[in-house]
């Protein structure tokens, strides 16, 4: 039995290409599309859209952070973080933690980009 190379390569190519696609990008509505990206930064309007326990971003100083996963682990409890979701939390964060190394290092691990305004 003689096999044609092209007949085998086409399905294999499709399988390989579909496997390279990775996970699909999260869907967002047109209204919720951010005006910035990690490469150029985010505006407060972008941060304000992430204002729930399931999707919580905050701005601190000149950066934007996705602290969603930290809410349930925060030593002071979720009630300290939830009111800050979608806001500029610089005053609250600095007022509570100042320049303490541990909280600042932890916050830095959640950085998603620069704050543009």
N, C-alpha and C. Protein backbone atom coordinates (compact mmCIF):
# COMPACT_ATOMS: atom_id res chain seq x y z
N UNK A 1 0.83 -1.16 0.00
CA UNK A 1 0.00 0.00 0.00
C UNK A 1 0.89 1.24 0.00
N UNK A 2 0.63 2.14 -0.93
CA UNK A 2 1.44 3.34 -1.07
C UNK A 2 0.67 4.51 -0.46
N UNK A 3 1.33 5.23 0.48
CA UNK A 3 0.70 6.39 1.12
C UNK A 3 1.22 7.66 0.48
N UNK A 4 0.32 8.58 0.32
CA UNK A 4 0.75 9.89 -0.18
C UNK A 4 1.14 10.74 1.01
N UNK A 5 2.29 11.36 0.93
CA UNK A 5 2.79 12.18 2.03
C UNK A 5 1.84 13.33 2.34
N UNK A 6 1.33 13.98 1.32
CA UNK A 6 0.42 15.12 1.52
C UNK A 6 -0.83 14.73 2.26
N UNK A 7 -1.32 13.53 2.06
CA UNK A 7 -2.54 13.08 2.72
C UNK A 7 -2.33 12.93 4.23
N UNK A 8 -1.11 12.61 4.64
CA UNK A 8 -0.81 12.47 6.07
C UNK A 8 -0.44 13.79 6.71
N UNK A 9 0.24 14.65 5.98
CA UNK A 9 0.71 15.90 6.56
C UNK A 9 -0.40 16.89 6.83
N UNK A 10 -1.39 16.96 5.98
CA UNK A 10 -2.47 17.95 6.17
C UNK A 10 -3.18 17.75 7.51
N UNK A 11 -3.68 16.55 7.83
CA UNK A 11 -4.34 16.38 9.14
C UNK A 11 -3.38 16.59 10.31
N UNK A 12 -2.13 16.15 10.15
CA UNK A 12 -1.14 16.32 11.20
C UNK A 12 -0.87 17.80 11.44
N UNK A 13 -0.77 18.56 10.39
CA UNK A 13 -0.53 20.00 10.50
C UNK A 13 -1.68 20.67 11.24
N UNK A 14 -2.89 20.29 10.93
CA UNK A 14 -4.06 20.87 11.59
C UNK A 14 -4.04 20.55 13.07
N UNK A 15 -3.73 19.31 13.42
CA UNK A 15 -3.67 18.92 14.82
C UNK A 15 -2.59 19.70 15.54
N UNK A 16 -1.41 19.82 14.95
CA UNK A 16 -0.32 20.54 15.59
C UNK A 16 -0.64 22.01 15.75
N UNK A 17 -1.20 22.63 14.73
CA UNK A 17 -1.53 24.05 14.82
C UNK A 17 -2.61 24.31 15.86
N UNK A 18 -3.59 23.42 15.95
CA UNK A 18 -4.64 23.63 16.93
C UNK A 18 -4.10 23.47 18.35
N UNK A 19 -3.09 22.64 18.53
CA UNK A 19 -2.50 22.44 19.85
C UNK A 19 -1.64 23.63 20.26
N UNK A 20 -1.16 24.41 19.32
CA UNK A 20 -0.30 25.56 19.61
C UNK A 20 -1.09 26.79 20.00
N UNK A 21 -2.38 26.73 19.86
CA UNK A 21 -3.19 27.91 20.11
C UNK A 21 -3.25 28.32 21.56
N UNK A 22 -2.93 27.45 22.50
CA UNK A 22 -3.01 27.79 23.90
C UNK A 22 -4.46 27.95 24.33
N UNK A 23 -4.64 28.51 25.49
CA UNK A 23 -6.00 28.71 25.96
C UNK A 23 -6.58 29.95 25.32
N UNK A 24 -7.86 29.95 25.08
CA UNK A 24 -8.46 31.10 24.45
C UNK A 24 -8.41 32.32 25.36
N UNK A 25 -8.37 33.49 24.75
CA UNK A 25 -8.37 34.72 25.52
C UNK A 25 -9.71 34.87 26.22
N UNK A 26 -9.70 35.44 27.41
CA UNK A 26 -10.97 35.62 28.10
C UNK A 26 -11.86 36.55 27.30
N UNK A 27 -13.14 36.24 27.30
CA UNK A 27 -14.05 37.09 26.55
C UNK A 27 -14.44 38.27 27.40
N UNK A 28 -14.53 39.41 26.74
CA UNK A 28 -14.99 40.61 27.41
C UNK A 28 -16.00 41.28 26.52
N UNK A 29 -16.92 41.97 27.12
CA UNK A 29 -17.88 42.70 26.32
C UNK A 29 -17.21 43.94 25.76
N UNK A 30 -17.80 44.55 24.77
CA UNK A 30 -17.23 45.74 24.17
C UNK A 30 -17.12 46.84 25.23
N UNK A 31 -18.11 46.95 26.10
CA UNK A 31 -18.09 47.98 27.13
C UNK A 31 -16.97 47.76 28.14
N UNK A 32 -16.58 46.50 28.34
CA UNK A 32 -15.59 46.20 29.37
C UNK A 32 -14.17 46.11 28.82
N UNK A 33 -13.98 46.35 27.55
CA UNK A 33 -12.65 46.22 26.96
C UNK A 33 -11.74 47.30 27.52
N UNK A 34 -10.57 46.91 28.03
CA UNK A 34 -9.67 47.91 28.58
C UNK A 34 -9.08 48.79 27.49
N UNK A 35 -8.80 50.05 27.84
CA UNK A 35 -8.19 50.95 26.88
C UNK A 35 -6.69 50.77 26.84
N UNK A 36 -6.14 50.10 27.82
CA UNK A 36 -4.71 49.88 27.86
C UNK A 36 -4.39 48.41 27.85
N UNK A 37 -3.11 48.11 27.92
CA UNK A 37 -2.66 46.73 28.04
C UNK A 37 -1.41 46.75 28.90
N UNK A 38 -0.97 45.58 29.29
CA UNK A 38 0.20 45.50 30.16
C UNK A 38 1.41 46.21 29.55
N UNK A 39 1.49 46.26 28.22
CA UNK A 39 2.64 46.88 27.59
C UNK A 39 2.60 48.40 27.66
N UNK A 40 1.40 49.01 27.64
CA UNK A 40 1.36 50.47 27.69
C UNK A 40 0.66 51.00 28.93
N UNK A 41 0.03 50.17 29.72
CA UNK A 41 -0.55 50.58 30.97
C UNK A 41 -2.07 50.64 30.94
N UNK A 42 -2.63 51.05 32.05
CA UNK A 42 -4.08 51.09 32.24
C UNK A 42 -4.49 52.44 32.80
N UNK A 43 -5.71 52.83 32.50
CA UNK A 43 -6.30 54.05 33.04
C UNK A 43 -7.20 53.67 34.22
N UNK A 44 -7.54 54.66 35.03
CA UNK A 44 -8.43 54.40 36.17
C UNK A 44 -9.78 53.87 35.68
N UNK A 45 -10.21 54.25 34.50
CA UNK A 45 -11.47 53.72 33.95
C UNK A 45 -11.37 52.21 33.77
N UNK A 46 -10.20 51.71 33.41
CA UNK A 46 -9.99 50.26 33.28
C UNK A 46 -10.05 49.60 34.65
N UNK A 47 -9.37 50.19 35.61
CA UNK A 47 -9.34 49.65 36.97
C UNK A 47 -10.75 49.61 37.54
N UNK A 48 -11.53 50.65 37.31
CA UNK A 48 -12.88 50.75 37.86
C UNK A 48 -13.79 49.63 37.39
N UNK A 49 -13.50 49.03 36.26
CA UNK A 49 -14.32 47.93 35.73
C UNK A 49 -14.09 46.62 36.50
N UNK A 50 -13.02 46.55 37.25
CA UNK A 50 -12.65 45.34 37.99
C UNK A 50 -12.95 45.59 39.47
N UNK A 51 -14.23 45.62 39.82
CA UNK A 51 -14.64 46.10 41.13
C UNK A 51 -15.47 45.10 41.94
N UNK A 52 -15.22 43.82 41.70
CA UNK A 52 -15.97 42.80 42.44
C UNK A 52 -15.01 41.84 43.13
N UNK A 53 -15.57 41.02 44.01
CA UNK A 53 -14.75 40.03 44.71
C UNK A 53 -14.18 39.01 43.72
N UNK A 54 -14.88 38.77 42.63
CA UNK A 54 -14.41 37.80 41.63
C UNK A 54 -13.42 38.40 40.63
N UNK A 55 -13.29 39.72 40.63
CA UNK A 55 -12.42 40.41 39.68
C UNK A 55 -12.05 41.76 40.29
N UNK A 56 -10.97 41.77 41.05
CA UNK A 56 -10.63 42.95 41.85
C UNK A 56 -9.25 43.49 41.47
N UNK A 57 -9.27 44.68 40.88
CA UNK A 57 -8.04 45.40 40.58
C UNK A 57 -7.99 46.64 41.45
N UNK A 58 -6.77 47.04 41.82
CA UNK A 58 -6.56 48.29 42.53
C UNK A 58 -5.38 49.01 41.91
N UNK A 59 -5.38 50.32 42.07
CA UNK A 59 -4.22 51.12 41.69
C UNK A 59 -3.54 51.54 42.98
N UNK A 60 -2.22 51.42 43.01
CA UNK A 60 -1.42 51.90 44.13
C UNK A 60 -0.21 52.58 43.53
N UNK A 61 -0.01 53.83 43.93
CA UNK A 61 1.06 54.65 43.38
C UNK A 61 0.90 54.71 41.86
N UNK A 62 1.86 54.26 41.11
CA UNK A 62 1.81 54.37 39.65
C UNK A 62 1.61 53.03 38.97
N UNK A 63 1.03 52.05 39.68
CA UNK A 63 0.85 50.71 39.12
C UNK A 63 -0.56 50.20 39.37
N UNK A 64 -0.93 49.17 38.58
CA UNK A 64 -2.23 48.52 38.68
C UNK A 64 -1.98 47.07 39.09
N UNK A 65 -2.81 46.58 40.01
CA UNK A 65 -2.64 45.24 40.56
C UNK A 65 -3.96 44.47 40.51
N UNK A 66 -3.87 43.19 40.15
CA UNK A 66 -5.02 42.29 40.21
C UNK A 66 -4.89 41.52 41.52
N UNK A 67 -5.64 41.93 42.52
CA UNK A 67 -5.54 41.34 43.85
C UNK A 67 -6.65 40.33 44.14
N UNK A 68 -7.33 39.89 43.10
CA UNK A 68 -8.46 38.97 43.26
C UNK A 68 -8.09 37.76 44.12
N UNK A 69 -6.99 37.13 43.82
CA UNK A 69 -6.61 35.92 44.55
C UNK A 69 -6.15 36.21 45.98
N UNK A 70 -5.85 37.45 46.29
CA UNK A 70 -5.35 37.81 47.60
C UNK A 70 -6.49 38.10 48.59
N UNK A 71 -7.67 38.41 48.08
CA UNK A 71 -8.78 38.81 48.94
C UNK A 71 -9.01 37.82 50.08
N UNK A 72 -9.13 36.56 49.76
CA UNK A 72 -9.42 35.56 50.80
C UNK A 72 -8.21 35.23 51.67
N UNK A 73 -7.03 35.65 51.26
CA UNK A 73 -5.81 35.33 52.01
C UNK A 73 -5.28 36.52 52.82
N UNK A 74 -5.87 37.69 52.65
CA UNK A 74 -5.37 38.88 53.33
C UNK A 74 -5.44 38.70 54.84
N UNK A 75 -4.33 38.93 55.55
CA UNK A 75 -4.32 38.71 56.99
C UNK A 75 -5.37 39.53 57.75
N UNK A 76 -5.73 40.69 57.23
CA UNK A 76 -6.74 41.51 57.89
C UNK A 76 -8.16 41.15 57.51
N UNK A 77 -8.30 40.17 56.62
CA UNK A 77 -9.62 39.72 56.19
C UNK A 77 -10.06 40.38 54.89
N UNK A 78 -11.02 39.77 54.22
CA UNK A 78 -11.50 40.29 52.94
C UNK A 78 -12.12 41.67 53.04
N UNK A 79 -12.67 42.02 54.20
CA UNK A 79 -13.33 43.31 54.35
C UNK A 79 -12.36 44.48 54.21
N UNK A 80 -11.09 44.23 54.34
CA UNK A 80 -10.08 45.29 54.16
C UNK A 80 -9.81 45.55 52.69
N UNK A 81 -10.03 44.55 51.83
CA UNK A 81 -9.72 44.67 50.41
C UNK A 81 -10.96 45.01 49.58
N UNK A 82 -12.07 44.37 49.86
CA UNK A 82 -13.27 44.51 49.02
C UNK A 82 -13.69 45.95 48.73
N UNK A 83 -13.66 46.87 49.70
CA UNK A 83 -14.07 48.24 49.39
C UNK A 83 -13.10 48.96 48.45
N UNK A 84 -11.92 48.40 48.28
CA UNK A 84 -10.90 49.03 47.45
C UNK A 84 -10.93 48.57 46.00
N UNK A 85 -11.67 47.50 45.72
CA UNK A 85 -11.73 46.96 44.36
C UNK A 85 -12.21 48.03 43.38
N UNK A 86 -11.45 48.21 42.32
CA UNK A 86 -11.82 49.17 41.28
C UNK A 86 -11.45 50.60 41.61
N UNK A 87 -10.62 50.82 42.62
CA UNK A 87 -10.30 52.18 43.04
C UNK A 87 -8.79 52.42 43.07
N UNK A 88 -8.45 53.69 43.29
CA UNK A 88 -7.06 54.02 43.58
C UNK A 88 -6.91 53.82 45.08
N UNK A 89 -6.21 52.78 45.45
CA UNK A 89 -6.09 52.38 46.85
C UNK A 89 -4.78 52.85 47.48
N UNK A 90 -4.13 53.82 46.86
CA UNK A 90 -2.84 54.28 47.36
C UNK A 90 -2.92 54.74 48.81
N UNK A 91 -3.86 55.61 49.13
CA UNK A 91 -3.96 56.14 50.49
C UNK A 91 -4.21 55.04 51.50
N UNK A 92 -5.13 54.13 51.18
CA UNK A 92 -5.45 53.03 52.10
C UNK A 92 -4.25 52.11 52.30
N UNK A 93 -3.59 51.76 51.20
CA UNK A 93 -2.45 50.84 51.30
C UNK A 93 -1.29 51.50 52.04
N UNK A 94 -0.94 52.72 51.65
CA UNK A 94 0.18 53.41 52.30
C UNK A 94 -0.15 53.71 53.76
N UNK A 95 -1.41 54.06 54.04
CA UNK A 95 -1.81 54.35 55.41
C UNK A 95 -1.68 53.14 56.32
N UNK A 96 -1.96 51.98 55.78
CA UNK A 96 -1.89 50.75 56.58
C UNK A 96 -0.49 50.15 56.60
N UNK A 97 0.19 50.16 55.45
CA UNK A 97 1.45 49.41 55.33
C UNK A 97 2.69 50.28 55.13
N UNK A 98 2.51 51.53 54.74
CA UNK A 98 3.67 52.40 54.52
C UNK A 98 4.68 51.74 53.59
N UNK A 99 5.92 51.72 54.04
CA UNK A 99 7.00 51.12 53.25
C UNK A 99 7.44 49.76 53.79
N UNK A 100 6.55 49.08 54.53
CA UNK A 100 6.90 47.77 55.07
C UNK A 100 7.23 46.82 53.91
N UNK A 101 8.30 46.08 54.07
CA UNK A 101 8.79 45.23 52.99
C UNK A 101 7.82 44.11 52.60
N UNK A 102 7.30 43.37 53.56
CA UNK A 102 6.47 42.21 53.23
C UNK A 102 5.20 42.59 52.46
N UNK A 103 4.40 43.55 52.93
CA UNK A 103 3.20 43.90 52.16
C UNK A 103 3.53 44.47 50.78
N UNK A 104 4.59 45.25 50.67
CA UNK A 104 4.97 45.82 49.38
C UNK A 104 5.46 44.75 48.41
N UNK A 105 6.18 43.78 48.92
CA UNK A 105 6.64 42.66 48.07
C UNK A 105 5.45 41.83 47.61
N UNK A 106 4.53 41.58 48.53
CA UNK A 106 3.33 40.81 48.17
C UNK A 106 2.52 41.55 47.11
N UNK A 107 2.31 42.83 47.31
CA UNK A 107 1.56 43.63 46.34
C UNK A 107 2.24 43.59 44.97
N UNK A 108 3.55 43.72 44.94
CA UNK A 108 4.29 43.73 43.68
C UNK A 108 4.06 42.45 42.88
N UNK A 109 3.79 41.35 43.55
CA UNK A 109 3.58 40.08 42.84
C UNK A 109 2.26 40.06 42.06
N UNK A 110 1.38 41.02 42.33
CA UNK A 110 0.08 41.07 41.65
C UNK A 110 0.04 42.13 40.55
N UNK A 111 1.16 42.77 40.24
CA UNK A 111 1.20 43.87 39.27
C UNK A 111 0.81 43.39 37.87
N UNK A 112 -0.09 44.15 37.24
CA UNK A 112 -0.49 43.85 35.86
C UNK A 112 -0.03 44.93 34.88
N UNK A 113 0.36 46.09 35.39
CA UNK A 113 0.83 47.14 34.49
C UNK A 113 0.92 48.48 35.18
N UNK A 114 1.29 49.48 34.37
CA UNK A 114 1.43 50.84 34.87
C UNK A 114 0.08 51.56 34.90
N UNK A 115 -0.03 52.52 35.79
CA UNK A 115 -1.21 53.38 35.84
C UNK A 115 -0.89 54.62 35.01
N UNK A 116 -1.74 54.88 34.02
CA UNK A 116 -1.48 55.98 33.09
C UNK A 116 -2.05 57.31 33.56
N UNK A 117 -3.04 57.31 34.43
CA UNK A 117 -3.59 58.59 34.89
C UNK A 117 -3.83 58.59 36.38
